[in-house]
C-alpha atoms as a PDB file:
ATOM      1  CA  MET A   1     -80.531  22.610 -51.886  1.00  0.00           C
ATOM      2  CA  ALA A   2     -78.910  24.052 -48.998  1.00  0.00           C
ATOM      3  CA  SER A   3     -79.466  22.869 -45.437  1.00  0.00           C
ATOM      4  CA  ARG A   4     -81.435  24.802 -43.297  1.00  0.00           C
ATOM      5  CA  LYS A   5     -79.854  23.576 -39.965  1.00  0.00           C
ATOM      6  CA  PRO A   6     -77.271  26.524 -39.685  1.00  0.00           C
ATOM      7  CA  VAL A   7     -80.320  28.982 -39.898  1.00  0.00           C
ATOM      8  CA  LEU A   8     -82.167  27.007 -37.221  1.00  0.00           C
ATOM      9  CA  ASP A   9     -79.060  27.012 -35.031  1.00  0.00           C
ATOM     10  CA  LEU A  10     -78.831  30.631 -35.147  1.00  0.00           C
ATOM     11  CA  VAL A  11     -82.491  31.037 -34.274  1.00  0.00           C
ATOM     12  CA  ARG A  12     -82.151  28.861 -31.289  1.00  0.00           C
ATOM     13  CA  ILE A  13     -78.841  30.958 -30.373  1.00  0.00           C
ATOM     14  CA  LYS A  14     -81.043  34.150 -30.318  1.00  0.00           C
ATOM     15  CA  GLN A  15     -83.823  32.801 -28.771  1.00  0.00           C
ATOM     16  CA  ALA A  16     -81.748  31.574 -25.634  1.00  0.00           C
ATOM     17  CA  GLY A  17     -80.275  34.986 -25.409  1.00  0.00           C
ATOM     18  CA  THR A  18     -76.476  34.047 -26.163  1.00  0.00           C
ATOM     19  CA  VAL A  19     -73.627  35.040 -28.400  1.00  0.00           C
ATOM     20  CA  ALA A  20     -70.858  33.099 -29.708  1.00  0.00           C
ATOM     21  CA  THR A  21     -67.301  34.866 -29.618  1.00  0.00           C
ATOM     22  CA  GLY A  22     -63.619  33.952 -30.342  1.00  0.00           C
ATOM     23  CA  GLU A  23     -62.160  32.006 -33.139  1.00  0.00           C
ATOM     24  CA  LEU A  24     -62.501  28.494 -34.487  1.00  0.00           C
ATOM     25  CA  GLY A  25     -59.329  26.794 -35.339  1.00  0.00           C
ATOM     26  CA  HIS A  26     -59.034  24.673 -38.384  1.00  0.00           C
ATOM     27  CA  GLU A  27     -56.304  23.036 -40.368  1.00  0.00           C
ATOM     28  CA  PRO A  28     -57.334  22.050 -43.795  1.00  0.00           C
ATOM     29  CA  GLU A  29     -55.346  19.447 -45.720  1.00  0.00           C
ATOM     30  CA  VAL A  30     -55.436  17.560 -48.965  1.00  0.00           C
ATOM     31  CA  THR A  31     -55.456  14.064 -47.979  1.00  0.00           C
ATOM     32  CA  GLU A  32     -55.908  12.583 -51.386  1.00  0.00           C
ATOM     33  CA  LEU A  33     -55.606  14.105 -55.125  1.00  0.00           C
ATOM     34  CA  ASP A  34     -56.810  12.420 -58.506  1.00  0.00           C
ATOM     35  CA  THR A  35     -56.111  14.142 -61.649  1.00  0.00           C
ATOM     36  CA  THR A  36     -56.523  11.066 -63.710  1.00  0.00           C
ATOM     37  CA  GLY A  37     -59.919  11.587 -64.950  1.00  0.00           C
ATOM     38  CA  THR A  38     -61.633  14.499 -66.850  1.00  0.00           C
ATOM     39  CA  LEU A  39     -62.635  16.222 -63.566  1.00  0.00           C
ATOM     40  CA  PRO A  40     -59.736  16.542 -61.063  1.00  0.00           C
ATOM     41  CA  LYS A  41     -60.822  15.620 -57.638  1.00  0.00           C
ATOM     42  CA  ALA A  42     -59.351  16.175 -54.143  1.00  0.00           C
ATOM     43  CA  THR A  43     -60.424  14.943 -50.441  1.00  0.00           C
ATOM     44  CA  VAL A  44     -59.910  17.440 -48.122  1.00  0.00           C
ATOM     45  CA  GLN A  45     -59.872  17.081 -44.276  1.00  0.00           C
ATOM     46  CA  ASP A  46     -59.983  19.648 -41.706  1.00  0.00           C
ATOM     47  CA  CYS A  47     -60.105  19.533 -38.020  1.00  0.00           C
ATOM     48  CA  LEU A  48     -62.308  22.297 -36.315  1.00  0.00           C
ATOM     49  CA  ASP A  49     -60.882  23.185 -32.816  1.00  0.00           C
ATOM     50  CA  LEU A  50     -62.998  24.777 -29.996  1.00  0.00           C
ATOM     51  CA  PRO A  51     -60.907  25.808 -27.408  1.00  0.00           C
ATOM     52  CA  ALA A  52     -60.859  29.581 -28.268  1.00  0.00           C
ATOM     53  CA  TRP A  53     -64.496  29.284 -28.968  1.00  0.00           C
ATOM     54  CA  LYS A  54     -66.892  30.689 -26.194  1.00  0.00           C
ATOM     55  CA  THR A  55     -70.629  30.934 -25.629  1.00  0.00           C
ATOM     56  CA  LEU A  56     -71.442  34.233 -23.484  1.00  0.00           C
ATOM     57  CA  GLN A  57     -75.038  35.180 -22.220  1.00  0.00           C
ATOM     58  CA  ALA A  58     -76.003  38.356 -24.090  1.00  0.00           C
ATOM     59  CA  LYS A  59     -77.192  40.497 -21.257  1.00  0.00           C
ATOM     60  CA  THR A  60     -74.518  39.841 -18.879  1.00  0.00           C
ATOM     61  CA  GLY A  61     -71.317  38.718 -20.860  1.00  0.00           C
ATOM     62  CA  GLU A  62     -71.047  35.686 -18.474  1.00  0.00           C
ATOM     63  CA  THR A  63     -69.200  32.616 -20.134  1.00  0.00           C
ATOM     64  CA  ILE A  64     -71.395  29.685 -20.502  1.00  0.00           C
ATOM     65  CA  PRO A  65     -69.027  26.410 -20.221  1.00  0.00           C
ATOM     66  CA  LEU A  66     -69.114  23.941 -22.711  1.00  0.00           C
ATOM     67  CA  PRO A  67     -70.636  20.475 -21.615  1.00  0.00           C
ATOM     68  CA  SER A  68     -67.811  18.295 -20.379  1.00  0.00           C
ATOM     69  CA  THR A  69     -68.990  15.478 -22.730  1.00  0.00           C
ATOM     70  CA  GLN A  70     -68.774  17.901 -25.760  1.00  0.00           C
ATOM     71  CA  PRO A  71     -65.877  17.206 -28.163  1.00  0.00           C
ATOM     72  CA  ARG A  72     -63.374  20.002 -28.425  1.00  0.00           C
ATOM     73  CA  ARG A  73     -62.214  18.879 -31.976  1.00  0.00           C
ATOM     74  CA  TYR A  74     -64.470  17.835 -34.744  1.00  0.00           C
ATOM     75  CA  VAL A  75     -62.988  16.374 -38.131  1.00  0.00           C
ATOM     76  CA  ALA A  76     -64.801  17.386 -41.562  1.00  0.00           C
ATOM     77  CA  THR A  77     -63.960  15.650 -44.725  1.00  0.00           C
ATOM     78  CA  THR A  78     -65.105  16.336 -48.310  1.00  0.00           C
ATOM     79  CA  THR A  79     -64.470  15.879 -51.922  1.00  0.00           C
ATOM     80  CA  VAL A  80     -64.266  18.722 -54.263  1.00  0.00           C
ATOM     81  CA  GLU A  81     -63.847  18.874 -58.140  1.00  0.00           C
ATOM     82  CA  LYS A  82     -62.783  21.560 -60.329  1.00  0.00           C
END
């Protein structure tokens, strides 16, 4: 079952009257590969970078700064199978 969190985040963004613009940087990399079993598996790690991502007030276009305590990079790791 898919998570509803991304949908709820989009609803909150719309309710706040904001828009997001820019590009999320990312660098996916296979960190582990297992081809010994019947299903090949790989571990993929990606780093999402926020420096080029901006939140704006929809009506004015004014930039809303990110909180100073918010990380600018997030690491995501997943395992995938063929």
